[in-house]
Amino acid sequence: MSTNMKEIEFQSASYDQWQEEAVKALKGKPFESLFTKTIENITLEPLYTKESLIEKLGDQLEKQVSTVRTLSKSSTFAVAQQIVGETEESFFANLEESLARGNEIITIYSPVAFTWTEAAIAKLASYLSENSFKITVQSNDDAVLAVFDKIEAANRDNVNGYIIAPEAVDVAGFPNVRTFAANTIPYHNNGANSVQELAIALAQASQQAQSVEDFKAFEQKFFVQFAADTQFFSEIAKIRAFKVLWKAFASAFGNEASAVPVVVETSARSFSKYDVYVNLLRSGNEAFSAAIGGADVITVHPHDCLTETTEQSVRIARNVSLVTKEESHVTKVLDPAGGSYFIESLTADYVKAAWAMFLEIEQAGGLQAYGIDAKIEEVYNTRIQQVETRKHTLIGTNIYANPVDEIPTVENAQFADVKRIALPFENLRASFAQADLKVAILTFGQLKNYKPRADFVQGFFATAGIVADQTEGFQSIEEATAWAATADYDYVVVAATDEDTKQLIPALLDGKKQGLVLDAAGKYKEEADAWTANGLNGFIFAGQNIVEKLNDVVTTVKGAQQ
């Protein structure tokens, strides 16, 4: 008897039923093992339901969704391609090219590589009179700011743009140029987490708002700038949370909030100089999260921006924005993440934590009095620890690394001070390249038995730019010890099963030649003390701090060679 699919009903399962099944699947592990802590110290649950979200937020859920949508300027974003050029001529040629190929906001990071001449300033003025712009300067005396003196007074009401400076720039007569900026990117580049960035944005806004008499006039000249990192859902929630926080902030000043622009750049914090095309994937992920979160302006940095960009890499970066905007259809929906149980919960968590931190900053007397730099340093150190132990994956750097990658010698000054989480591994490669160690993996037994550990060790070495020589698998302890006694290597790691390793290590130590540094792959708690006392250097295993371990190896080998 056939069944009409329209008549089939699927029984819904409650959270308690799901939890019961999850506990069975865990096979003795506690249910709490499914909960994880973010770097903001926010607990992520294994399952989010409508019922649990309503229980958590109550009528605040509807208000949160409404606020995010009300304080969004539009469902789409403007493409803000940064213009680069080594000379005045190449700069303007690249500017023309970008506008012809989809760029909507002329984006300038100053200082530029050339000197602004009177003619160049006048030429730039003609472009800014017709196109929106975003200009970042390092001081209020930057030469590029002279461009506003060159724009005709009759046309100044039509000029739209953003100026990011250490202090608000006074450009009188330009009502649509926003000069009050909460710029969180320097803090982001030092390692700040999402909650800290949100609190910092409010603290900067508070300081600026108190410097003027009319809050609404301030709001009309204000915008916030964030960097979007690779933590996809976190970045969506961060941008949404700011809009909720802005409503509370405006209310604290006795005003009804209006939508303020959210300007976003892709983050270089997770970029690596190795395997640079992975940076392209990272920037695509970052741009997409910014679009979903509700950014009004998005700048995508090229995948090779840490060193030297090319015409192709700049075009690819611009096309990341264009594909997101034109092909993903995400901009067809206002607040596309709205209603997601997980995103709404995370947004609310960020709002609560960031507002509490903002109040602490205000009570302390400002960001510096609060000690924000030291608190960000703690977060940065946590990030580094996570990367070095592979709790945080950085493809092409701490896992799946290409050991033959070479770093270009050119460095882009714009990103030179970013505290990137790949730096320890880049320094590690430099250290190993200088040491020029001869490294091998001693394998023992059948291929199927030793291969998993040998592959793990090769991957471990690859993060330092090392391709270790590997034996074919000795079949007897005598063969292995004979090889180790004569092999011309500085550092050897034994890769075998636990049983084989326990028989092999004592024999290898008895016949180990002087100066050879020997490690074993795996953890051997019971044997560790005896083996190390008899000359074993140590162990390589999952969860270990890779950078500390391999730096110690370099130090030990150098000591053994003296």
Protein backbone atom coordinates (compact mmCIF):
# COMPACT_ATOMS: atom_id res chain seq x y z
CA MET A 1 0.00 0.00 0.00
CA SER A 2 1.53 3.28 -1.09
CA THR A 3 1.72 6.21 1.27
CA ASN A 4 1.09 9.82 0.35
CA MET A 5 4.20 11.75 1.37
CA LYS A 6 2.08 14.79 2.25
CA GLU A 7 0.36 12.78 4.95
CA ILE A 8 3.57 11.72 6.70
CA GLU A 9 4.36 13.54 9.93
CA PHE A 10 7.72 13.38 11.66
CA GLN A 11 7.65 13.32 15.41
CA SER A 12 9.60 16.19 16.94
CA ALA A 13 12.17 15.42 19.61
CA SER A 14 12.60 17.47 22.75
CA TYR A 15 15.96 18.68 24.02
CA ASP A 16 15.77 16.11 26.82
CA GLN A 17 15.28 13.31 24.31
CA TRP A 18 18.20 14.54 22.23
CA GLN A 19 20.37 14.79 25.35
CA GLU A 20 19.47 11.23 26.33
CA GLU A 21 20.57 9.91 22.93
CA ALA A 22 23.72 12.05 23.04
CA VAL A 23 24.69 10.60 26.42
CA LYS A 24 24.33 7.09 25.00
CA ALA A 25 26.55 7.99 22.05
CA LEU A 26 29.21 9.43 24.37
CA LYS A 27 29.70 5.97 25.91
CA GLY A 28 30.55 7.06 29.40
CA LYS A 29 31.90 10.52 28.70
CA PRO A 30 30.03 13.32 30.52
CA PHE A 31 27.42 15.29 28.58
CA GLU A 32 29.31 18.44 29.57
CA SER A 33 32.17 17.33 27.30
CA LEU A 34 30.04 18.56 24.39
CA PHE A 35 30.17 22.12 25.71
CA THR A 36 33.06 24.33 24.58
CA LYS A 37 34.46 27.66 25.76
CA THR A 38 35.25 30.42 23.29
CA ILE A 39 38.23 32.71 23.69
CA GLU A 40 35.73 35.25 25.05
CA ASN A 41 34.92 32.76 27.84
CA ILE A 42 31.44 32.19 26.44
CA THR A 43 30.07 28.64 26.62
CA LEU A 44 28.86 27.15 23.34
CA GLU A 45 26.22 24.48 23.72
CA PRO A 46 25.95 21.36 21.53
CA LEU A 47 22.36 22.13 20.50
CA TYR A 48 20.23 25.27 20.32
CA THR A 49 16.45 25.08 20.14
CA LYS A 50 13.64 27.58 19.93
CA GLU A 51 12.51 26.62 23.42
CA SER A 52 15.95 27.04 24.98
CA LEU A 53 16.44 30.40 23.24
CA ILE A 54 13.08 31.72 24.46
CA GLU A 55 13.87 30.46 27.94
CA LYS A 56 17.18 32.33 27.82
CA LEU A 57 16.03 35.62 26.27
CA GLY A 58 12.27 35.76 26.74
CA ASP A 59 10.75 38.85 25.13
CA GLN A 60 14.28 40.21 24.60
CA LEU A 61 14.64 37.92 21.57
CA GLU A 62 12.06 39.79 19.52
CA LYS A 63 13.54 43.12 20.59
CA GLN A 64 17.03 41.96 19.62
CA VAL A 65 15.96 40.85 16.14
CA SER A 66 13.99 44.06 15.64
CA THR A 67 16.90 46.22 16.76
CA VAL A 68 19.38 44.55 14.42
CA ARG A 69 17.08 45.06 11.47
CA THR A 70 16.02 48.58 12.37
CA LEU A 71 19.61 49.73 12.84
CA SER A 72 20.83 48.23 9.56
CA LYS A 73 21.32 50.90 6.91
CA SER A 74 20.60 48.44 4.09
CA SER A 75 20.79 44.75 3.25
CA THR A 76 23.75 45.21 0.92
CA PHE A 77 27.28 46.55 1.29
CA ALA A 78 29.65 48.75 -0.69
CA VAL A 79 32.85 47.32 -2.13
CA ALA A 80 35.85 49.25 -0.80
CA GLN A 81 38.94 48.22 -2.73
CA GLN A 82 42.18 49.63 -1.32
CA ILE A 83 44.14 51.52 -3.97
CA VAL A 84 47.89 50.88 -4.05
CA GLY A 85 50.67 52.17 -6.25
CA GLU A 86 54.41 52.67 -6.07
CA THR A 87 54.18 55.89 -8.05
CA GLU A 88 51.64 58.63 -8.59
CA GLU A 89 51.01 57.34 -12.09
CA SER A 90 50.45 53.72 -11.03
CA PHE A 91 48.23 54.80 -8.14
CA PHE A 92 45.79 56.67 -10.37
CA ALA A 93 45.94 53.95 -13.02
CA ASN A 94 44.97 51.39 -10.36
CA LEU A 95 42.26 53.73 -9.09
CA GLU A 96 40.73 53.98 -12.56
CA GLU A 97 40.98 50.21 -13.01
CA SER A 98 39.26 49.51 -9.70
CA LEU A 99 36.34 51.82 -10.42
CA ALA A 100 35.91 50.30 -13.86
CA ARG A 101 35.80 46.79 -12.39
CA GLY A 102 33.32 47.16 -9.56
CA ASN A 103 34.95 49.17 -6.82
CA GLU A 104 32.47 51.53 -5.14
CA ILE A 105 34.50 53.24 -2.43
CA ILE A 106 37.97 54.62 -3.09
CA THR A 107 40.02 53.29 -0.18
CA ILE A 108 43.35 54.88 0.68
CA TYR A 109 45.79 53.84 3.40
CA SER A 110 48.30 56.59 4.07
CA PRO A 111 51.22 57.07 4.05
CA VAL A 112 51.46 56.01 0.44
CA ALA A 113 54.61 54.98 -1.39
CA PHE A 114 54.97 58.30 -3.23
CA THR A 115 54.85 62.01 -2.38
CA TRP A 116 51.59 63.84 -2.85
CA THR A 117 52.24 66.68 -5.27
CA GLU A 118 49.93 69.64 -5.75
CA ALA A 119 48.81 68.16 -9.05
CA ALA A 120 48.15 64.74 -7.52
CA ILE A 121 46.06 66.25 -4.71
CA ALA A 122 44.01 68.20 -7.23
CA LYS A 123 43.50 65.07 -9.33
CA LEU A 124 42.42 63.08 -6.28
CA ALA A 125 39.97 65.83 -5.37
CA SER A 126 38.22 65.34 -8.69
CA TYR A 127 37.72 61.65 -7.92
CA LEU A 128 36.52 62.21 -4.35
CA SER A 129 34.02 64.77 -5.62
CA GLU A 130 32.35 62.04 -7.66
CA ASN A 131 32.97 58.85 -5.65
CA SER A 132 32.61 57.72 -2.04
CA PHE A 133 35.85 57.14 -0.19
CA LYS A 134 37.52 55.76 2.93
CA ILE A 135 40.82 57.33 3.97
CA THR A 136 43.02 56.09 6.81
CA VAL A 137 45.74 58.44 8.04
CA GLN A 138 48.34 58.16 10.80
CA SER A 139 48.07 61.79 11.89
CA ASN A 140 45.87 64.81 11.34
CA ASP A 141 48.73 66.47 9.45
CA ASP A 142 48.83 63.81 6.73
CA ALA A 143 49.45 65.33 3.30
CA VAL A 144 46.49 63.55 1.71
CA LEU A 145 44.05 65.53 3.88
CA ALA A 146 44.86 68.61 1.82
CA VAL A 147 42.54 67.12 -0.79
CA PHE A 148 39.53 68.60 1.00
CA ASP A 149 40.82 72.11 0.39
CA LYS A 150 40.78 71.36 -3.33
CA ILE A 151 37.11 70.36 -3.52
CA GLU A 152 34.88 73.20 -4.66
CA ALA A 153 32.62 74.62 -1.93
CA ALA A 154 29.54 74.26 -4.10
CA ASN A 155 30.11 70.52 -4.41
CA ARG A 156 30.97 69.72 -0.79
CA ASP A 157 27.43 68.76 0.24
CA ASN A 158 27.55 65.89 -2.26
CA VAL A 159 30.85 64.44 -1.02
CA ASN A 160 30.47 61.17 0.92
CA GLY A 161 33.14 59.29 2.77
CA TYR A 162 34.90 58.12 5.91
CA ILE A 163 38.10 59.40 7.52
CA ILE A 164 39.93 57.23 10.04
CA ALA A 165 42.48 59.13 12.11
CA PRO A 166 43.86 59.08 15.66
CA GLU A 167 41.53 61.98 16.42
CA ALA A 168 38.51 63.29 14.55
CA VAL A 169 39.60 65.39 11.58
CA ASP A 170 37.95 68.77 11.18
CA VAL A 171 36.72 69.02 7.59
CA ALA A 172 34.28 71.91 7.82
CA GLY A 173 31.63 72.17 5.16
CA PHE A 174 31.43 68.44 4.40
CA PRO A 175 28.21 67.32 6.14
CA ASN A 176 28.33 63.81 4.65
CA VAL A 177 31.94 62.99 5.47
CA ARG A 178 32.06 60.94 8.68
CA THR A 179 35.06 61.81 10.83
CA PHE A 180 34.18 60.32 14.22
CA ALA A 181 35.40 56.72 14.08
CA ALA A 182 35.47 53.92 16.61
CA ASN A 183 38.39 52.10 15.04
CA THR A 184 38.95 48.75 16.74
CA ILE A 185 41.36 47.35 14.15
CA PRO A 186 44.60 48.27 16.01
CA TYR A 187 43.28 46.39 19.05
CA HIS A 188 42.14 43.49 16.86
CA ASN A 189 45.61 43.32 15.32
CA ASN A 190 47.09 43.03 18.81
CA GLY A 191 44.87 40.03 19.58
CA ALA A 192 41.61 41.40 21.03
CA ASN A 193 38.61 39.07 21.09
CA SER A 194 35.12 39.99 19.89
CA VAL A 195 33.80 41.09 23.29
CA GLN A 196 36.81 43.33 23.83
CA GLU A 197 36.41 44.87 20.37
CA LEU A 198 32.76 45.68 21.03
CA ALA A 199 33.53 47.23 24.42
CA ILE A 200 36.42 49.22 22.92
CA ALA A 201 34.13 50.55 20.16
CA LEU A 202 31.67 51.82 22.76
CA ALA A 203 34.45 53.32 24.90
CA GLN A 204 35.84 55.21 21.91
CA ALA A 205 32.37 56.38 20.96
CA SER A 206 31.74 57.54 24.52
CA GLN A 207 34.91 59.61 24.59
CA GLN A 208 34.07 61.24 21.26
CA ALA A 209 30.39 61.81 22.05
CA GLN A 210 31.28 63.64 25.26
CA SER A 211 33.45 66.06 23.30
CA VAL A 212 30.44 67.49 21.45
CA GLU A 213 27.20 69.03 22.69
CA ASP A 214 24.71 67.51 20.26
CA PHE A 215 24.59 63.69 20.31
CA LYS A 216 22.51 63.43 17.14
CA ALA A 217 24.98 65.64 15.28
CA PHE A 218 27.75 63.38 16.55
CA GLU A 219 25.85 60.27 15.46
CA GLN A 220 25.50 61.64 11.94
CA LYS A 221 29.29 61.92 11.72
CA PHE A 222 30.09 58.61 13.47
CA PHE A 223 30.93 55.13 12.19
CA VAL A 224 32.59 51.99 13.54
CA GLN A 225 35.34 49.96 11.92
CA PHE A 226 35.94 46.30 12.69
CA ALA A 227 38.24 43.64 11.30
CA ALA A 228 36.55 40.32 10.50
CA ASP A 229 38.58 37.27 11.49
CA THR A 230 38.14 33.64 10.39
CA GLN A 231 35.83 32.73 13.30
CA PHE A 232 32.80 32.77 11.02
CA PHE A 233 29.87 32.73 13.45
CA SER A 234 31.68 34.91 15.95
CA GLU A 235 32.14 37.67 13.38
CA ILE A 236 28.48 37.53 12.34
CA ALA A 237 27.41 37.83 15.95
CA LYS A 238 29.91 40.63 16.64
CA ILE A 239 28.51 42.92 13.97
CA ARG A 240 24.91 42.15 14.96
CA ALA A 241 25.74 42.69 18.63
CA PHE A 242 27.16 46.15 17.92
CA LYS A 243 23.80 47.29 16.58
CA VAL A 244 22.04 46.14 19.74
CA LEU A 245 24.72 47.79 21.85
CA TRP A 246 24.41 51.02 19.87
CA LYS A 247 20.75 51.26 20.75
CA ALA A 248 21.60 50.94 24.45
CA PHE A 249 24.47 53.42 24.04
CA ALA A 250 22.30 56.05 22.38
CA SER A 251 19.64 55.54 25.05
CA ALA A 252 22.26 56.18 27.74
CA PHE A 253 22.82 59.58 26.10
CA GLY A 254 19.06 60.20 26.12
CA ASN A 255 18.52 59.63 22.40
CA GLU A 256 16.78 57.27 20.04
CA ALA A 257 19.44 55.40 18.08
CA SER A 258 19.87 55.77 14.34
CA ALA A 259 21.71 53.34 12.10
CA VAL A 260 25.43 54.08 11.94
CA PRO A 261 27.67 52.59 9.25
CA VAL A 262 29.61 49.43 10.08
CA VAL A 263 32.85 49.44 8.09
CA VAL A 264 34.74 46.14 7.93
CA GLU A 265 38.13 45.01 6.68
CA THR A 266 39.24 41.41 6.38
CA SER A 267 41.73 40.52 9.09
CA ALA A 268 45.41 39.81 8.53
CA ARG A 269 45.72 38.32 12.00
CA SER A 270 45.33 34.77 10.69
CA PHE A 271 47.31 35.38 7.50
CA SER A 272 50.56 33.53 6.93
CA LYS A 273 53.49 34.23 4.65
CA TYR A 274 53.56 30.51 3.87
CA ASP A 275 51.03 28.82 1.59
CA VAL A 276 49.62 32.27 0.81
CA TYR A 277 46.72 31.05 -1.29
CA VAL A 278 45.12 29.75 1.91
CA ASN A 279 44.89 33.44 2.87
CA LEU A 280 42.59 33.86 -0.10
CA LEU A 281 40.20 31.30 1.40
CA ARG A 282 40.45 33.00 4.77
CA SER A 283 39.59 36.41 3.35
CA GLY A 284 36.63 34.93 1.48
CA ASN A 285 35.35 33.42 4.70
CA GLU A 286 35.85 36.72 6.52
CA ALA A 287 34.11 38.78 3.87
CA PHE A 288 31.14 36.44 3.77
CA SER A 289 30.70 36.58 7.55
CA ALA A 290 30.85 40.39 7.41
CA ALA A 291 28.16 40.46 4.72
CA ILE A 292 25.89 38.13 6.70
CA GLY A 293 26.49 40.10 9.88
CA GLY A 294 25.35 43.31 8.23
CA ALA A 295 28.47 45.28 7.29
CA ASP A 296 27.84 48.39 5.20
CA VAL A 297 31.34 48.64 3.74
CA ILE A 298 33.77 45.76 3.16
CA THR A 299 37.46 45.89 2.22
CA VAL A 300 39.07 42.58 1.27
CA HIS A 301 42.85 42.52 1.53
CA PRO A 302 44.76 40.49 -1.11
CA HIS A 303 46.09 37.09 -0.08
CA ASP A 304 49.69 38.30 -0.52
CA CYS A 305 49.21 41.63 1.27
CA LEU A 306 51.81 40.75 3.93
CA THR A 307 54.56 40.97 1.35
CA GLU A 308 53.91 42.43 -2.09
CA THR A 309 50.62 42.48 -3.93
CA THR A 310 50.25 41.94 -7.66
CA GLU A 311 47.70 43.13 -10.18
CA GLN A 312 46.17 39.65 -10.12
CA SER A 313 45.96 39.38 -6.31
CA VAL A 314 44.31 42.80 -6.06
CA ARG A 315 41.76 41.80 -8.68
CA ILE A 316 41.04 38.50 -6.91
CA ALA A 317 40.50 40.37 -3.63
CA ARG A 318 38.05 42.74 -5.28
CA ASN A 319 36.26 39.82 -6.91
CA VAL A 320 35.81 38.17 -3.50
CA SER A 321 33.63 41.13 -2.57
CA LEU A 322 31.87 41.16 -5.92
CA VAL A 323 31.07 37.43 -5.86
CA THR A 324 29.77 37.74 -2.30
CA LYS A 325 27.62 40.70 -3.27
CA GLU A 326 26.40 39.64 -6.68
CA GLU A 327 26.31 35.83 -6.65
CA SER A 328 25.72 34.65 -3.08
CA HIS A 329 22.32 36.40 -2.81
CA VAL A 330 23.07 37.07 0.85
CA THR A 331 22.43 40.77 0.28
CA LYS A 332 18.89 40.04 -0.89
CA VAL A 333 17.86 39.47 2.72
CA LEU A 334 17.98 41.94 5.58
CA ASP A 335 19.73 40.28 8.53
CA PRO A 336 20.11 36.81 6.94
CA ALA A 337 21.34 35.36 10.26
CA GLY A 338 18.28 36.61 12.14
CA GLY A 339 16.28 33.89 13.82
CA SER A 340 19.13 31.39 13.93
CA TYR A 341 18.96 29.95 17.42
CA PHE A 342 22.72 29.73 17.70
CA ILE A 343 23.50 33.16 16.23
CA GLU A 344 20.81 34.89 18.27
CA SER A 345 22.12 33.26 21.45
CA LEU A 346 25.72 34.19 20.65
CA THR A 347 24.67 37.75 19.76
CA ALA A 348 22.94 38.09 23.13
CA ASP A 349 25.99 36.70 24.93
CA TYR A 350 28.23 39.25 23.22
CA VAL A 351 25.86 42.09 24.03
CA LYS A 352 25.75 41.19 27.71
CA ALA A 353 29.51 40.64 28.08
CA ALA A 354 30.55 43.68 26.01
CA TRP A 355 28.18 46.06 27.81
CA ALA A 356 29.49 44.87 31.18
CA MET A 357 33.08 45.42 30.03
CA PHE A 358 32.22 48.85 28.63
CA LEU A 359 30.81 49.91 32.00
CA GLU A 360 33.99 48.68 33.69
CA ILE A 361 36.08 50.74 31.25
CA GLU A 362 33.96 53.83 31.92
CA GLN A 363 34.19 53.34 35.67
CA ALA A 364 37.98 52.93 35.45
CA GLY A 365 38.30 56.19 33.54
CA GLY A 366 39.01 55.02 30.01
CA LEU A 367 40.77 52.31 28.06
CA GLN A 368 44.29 52.94 29.31
CA ALA A 369 43.24 53.31 32.94
CA TYR A 370 41.34 50.03 32.55
CA GLY A 371 44.53 48.34 31.35
CA ILE A 372 43.08 47.18 28.05
CA ASP A 373 46.48 46.49 26.48
CA ALA A 374 47.44 44.00 29.20
CA LYS A 375 44.09 42.22 28.94
CA ILE A 376 44.45 41.95 25.16
CA GLU A 377 47.97 40.59 25.63
CA GLU A 378 46.52 37.77 27.74
CA VAL A 379 44.11 36.88 24.95
CA TYR A 380 46.89 37.01 22.38
CA ASN A 381 49.03 34.64 24.44
CA THR A 382 46.07 32.25 24.64
CA ARG A 383 45.69 32.37 20.85
CA ILE A 384 49.38 31.61 20.39
CA GLN A 385 49.17 28.70 22.81
CA GLN A 386 46.19 27.28 20.92
CA VAL A 387 47.97 27.54 17.57
CA GLU A 388 51.23 26.06 18.82
CA THR A 389 49.38 23.05 20.25
CA ARG A 390 47.03 22.73 17.25
CA LYS A 391 43.93 23.40 19.33
CA HIS A 392 43.41 26.15 16.79
CA THR A 393 44.08 25.01 13.24
CA LEU A 394 46.01 27.20 10.82
CA ILE A 395 46.06 25.33 7.51
CA GLY A 396 49.40 25.42 5.76
CA THR A 397 51.14 26.66 8.89
CA ASN A 398 50.65 24.42 11.92
CA ILE A 399 49.07 21.56 9.98
CA TYR A 400 49.21 20.39 6.35
CA ALA A 401 52.25 22.65 5.93
CA ASN A 402 54.25 22.66 2.72
CA PRO A 403 57.86 22.35 3.91
CA VAL A 404 59.33 23.71 0.68
CA ASP A 405 57.50 27.04 0.80
CA GLU A 406 59.74 30.08 0.71
CA ILE A 407 58.96 33.49 2.19
CA PRO A 408 59.34 36.55 -0.05
CA THR A 409 61.86 39.00 1.36
CA VAL A 410 59.63 42.05 0.78
CA GLU A 411 57.43 43.15 3.71
CA ASN A 412 54.39 45.41 3.51
CA ALA A 413 54.71 48.09 6.19
CA GLN A 414 50.93 48.35 6.50
CA PHE A 415 50.75 44.91 8.13
CA ALA A 416 54.23 44.69 9.66
CA ASP A 417 52.99 45.33 13.22
CA VAL A 418 50.06 42.90 13.15
CA LYS A 419 50.57 40.27 15.87
CA ARG A 420 49.81 37.38 13.55
CA ILE A 421 49.30 33.95 15.05
CA ALA A 422 51.45 32.39 12.31
CA LEU A 423 54.55 34.30 13.43
CA PRO A 424 55.89 31.62 15.84
CA PHE A 425 55.91 29.08 13.01
CA GLU A 426 57.51 31.49 10.56
CA ASN A 427 60.24 32.17 13.12
CA LEU A 428 60.55 28.42 13.72
CA ARG A 429 61.24 27.83 10.04
CA ALA A 430 63.87 30.53 10.06
CA SER A 431 65.51 28.93 13.09
CA PHE A 432 65.63 25.48 11.47
CA ALA A 433 66.87 26.89 8.18
CA GLN A 434 69.74 28.56 10.00
CA ALA A 435 70.54 25.45 12.06
CA ASP A 436 70.58 23.23 8.94
CA LEU A 437 69.93 20.03 10.89
CA LYS A 438 70.06 16.57 9.34
CA VAL A 439 66.79 14.92 10.41
CA ALA A 440 65.53 11.35 9.95
CA ILE A 441 62.66 9.11 11.00
CA LEU A 442 63.61 5.58 12.02
CA THR A 443 60.68 3.30 11.19
CA PHE A 444 60.33 -0.25 12.45
CA GLY A 445 58.05 -3.16 11.58
CA GLN A 446 55.36 -3.40 8.91
CA LEU A 447 54.37 -0.31 6.91
CA LYS A 448 50.73 -0.42 8.00
CA ASN A 449 51.82 -0.37 11.64
CA TYR A 450 54.38 2.44 11.61
CA LYS A 451 52.95 4.64 8.84
CA PRO A 452 50.42 6.61 10.98
CA ARG A 453 53.12 7.74 13.40
CA ALA A 454 55.68 8.35 10.67
CA ASP A 455 53.19 10.53 8.79
CA PHE A 456 52.39 12.43 11.98
CA VAL A 457 56.08 13.11 12.60
CA GLN A 458 56.60 14.22 8.98
CA GLY A 459 53.72 16.66 9.41
CA PHE A 460 55.21 17.82 12.69
CA PHE A 461 58.52 18.54 10.95
CA ALA A 462 56.83 20.17 7.96
CA THR A 463 55.69 23.05 10.17
CA ALA A 464 59.39 23.90 10.57
CA GLY A 465 60.11 23.53 6.85
CA ILE A 466 61.77 20.14 7.30
CA VAL A 467 61.43 17.07 5.06
CA ALA A 468 62.91 14.25 7.12
CA ASP A 469 64.62 11.28 5.54
CA GLN A 470 62.71 8.09 6.39
CA THR A 471 63.91 4.50 6.60
CA GLU A 472 61.89 1.75 4.93
CA GLY A 473 61.06 -0.10 8.13
CA PHE A 474 63.64 -2.25 9.86
CA GLN A 475 62.60 -5.83 10.55
CA SER A 476 65.01 -6.51 13.41
CA ILE A 477 66.37 -4.60 16.36
CA GLU A 478 69.89 -5.46 15.21
CA GLU A 479 69.34 -3.74 11.85
CA ALA A 480 67.88 -0.66 13.52
CA THR A 481 70.68 -0.31 16.07
CA ALA A 482 73.35 -0.83 13.40
CA TRP A 483 71.82 1.93 11.30
CA ALA A 484 71.52 4.35 14.26
CA ALA A 485 75.16 3.70 15.24
CA THR A 486 76.49 4.87 11.87
CA ALA A 487 73.77 7.10 10.34
CA ASP A 488 74.93 10.65 9.58
CA TYR A 489 72.06 12.55 11.23
CA ASP A 490 71.78 15.13 14.00
CA TYR A 491 68.25 14.24 15.08
CA VAL A 492 66.28 11.00 14.73
CA VAL A 493 62.72 10.16 15.75
CA VAL A 494 61.61 6.55 16.21
CA ALA A 495 58.20 5.78 14.68
CA ALA A 496 56.78 2.36 15.52
CA THR A 497 53.96 0.74 17.47
CA ASP A 498 54.00 1.04 21.27
CA GLU A 499 55.12 -2.58 21.65
CA ASP A 500 57.92 -2.28 19.12
CA THR A 501 59.07 1.08 20.49
CA LYS A 502 59.34 -0.32 24.02
CA GLN A 503 61.73 -3.02 22.76
CA LEU A 504 63.61 -0.77 20.36
CA ILE A 505 64.41 2.33 22.45
CA PRO A 506 66.56 0.61 25.14
CA ALA A 507 68.62 -1.11 22.42
CA LEU A 508 69.07 2.12 20.47
CA LEU A 509 70.15 4.00 23.58
CA ASP A 510 72.75 1.38 24.41
CA GLY A 511 74.39 1.74 21.00
CA LYS A 512 73.59 5.40 20.25
CA LYS A 513 76.50 7.31 18.80
CA GLN A 514 77.72 10.41 20.58
CA GLY A 515 76.05 13.63 19.48
CA LEU A 516 72.88 12.00 18.09
CA VAL A 517 69.67 13.43 19.54
CA LEU A 518 67.03 10.71 19.71
CA ASP A 519 63.26 11.07 20.27
CA ALA A 520 60.36 8.60 20.29
CA ALA A 521 56.96 9.20 18.67
CA GLY A 522 54.17 8.67 21.19
CA LYS A 523 53.55 8.94 24.92
CA TYR A 524 55.22 6.47 27.28
CA LYS A 525 54.52 7.58 30.84
CA GLU A 526 55.83 4.46 32.56
CA GLU A 527 59.06 4.26 30.57
CA ALA A 528 59.73 8.00 30.18
CA ASP A 529 61.93 8.54 33.25
CA ALA A 530 64.14 5.50 32.63
CA TRP A 531 64.56 6.26 28.94
CA THR A 532 65.41 9.94 29.41
CA ALA A 533 67.83 9.06 32.22
CA ASN A 534 69.58 6.70 29.77
CA GLY A 535 69.94 9.31 27.02
CA LEU A 536 66.59 9.68 25.23
CA ASN A 537 65.93 13.34 24.45
CA GLY A 538 62.13 13.17 24.67
CA PHE A 539 58.92 12.47 22.79
CA ILE A 540 56.76 13.76 19.93
CA PHE A 541 53.00 13.41 20.35
CA ALA A 542 49.64 14.99 19.51
CA GLY A 543 48.66 18.00 21.61
CA GLN A 544 52.27 18.95 22.23
CA ASN A 545 53.47 22.53 21.84
CA ILE A 546 55.13 22.19 18.44
CA VAL A 547 57.09 25.43 18.56
CA GLU A 548 58.50 24.82 22.03
CA LYS A 549 59.40 21.23 21.19
CA LEU A 550 61.19 21.96 17.94
CA ASN A 551 62.99 25.01 19.31
CA ASP A 552 64.21 22.79 22.14
CA VAL A 553 65.44 20.30 19.55
CA VAL A 554 67.53 22.99 17.83
CA THR A 555 69.02 24.04 21.17
CA THR A 556 69.74 20.44 22.18
CA VAL A 557 71.38 19.54 18.86
CA LYS A 558 73.59 22.63 18.99
CA GLY A 559 74.60 21.66 22.53
CA ALA A 560 75.38 18.09 21.48
CA GLN A 561 77.56 19.32 18.62
CA GLN A 562 79.78 21.42 20.87
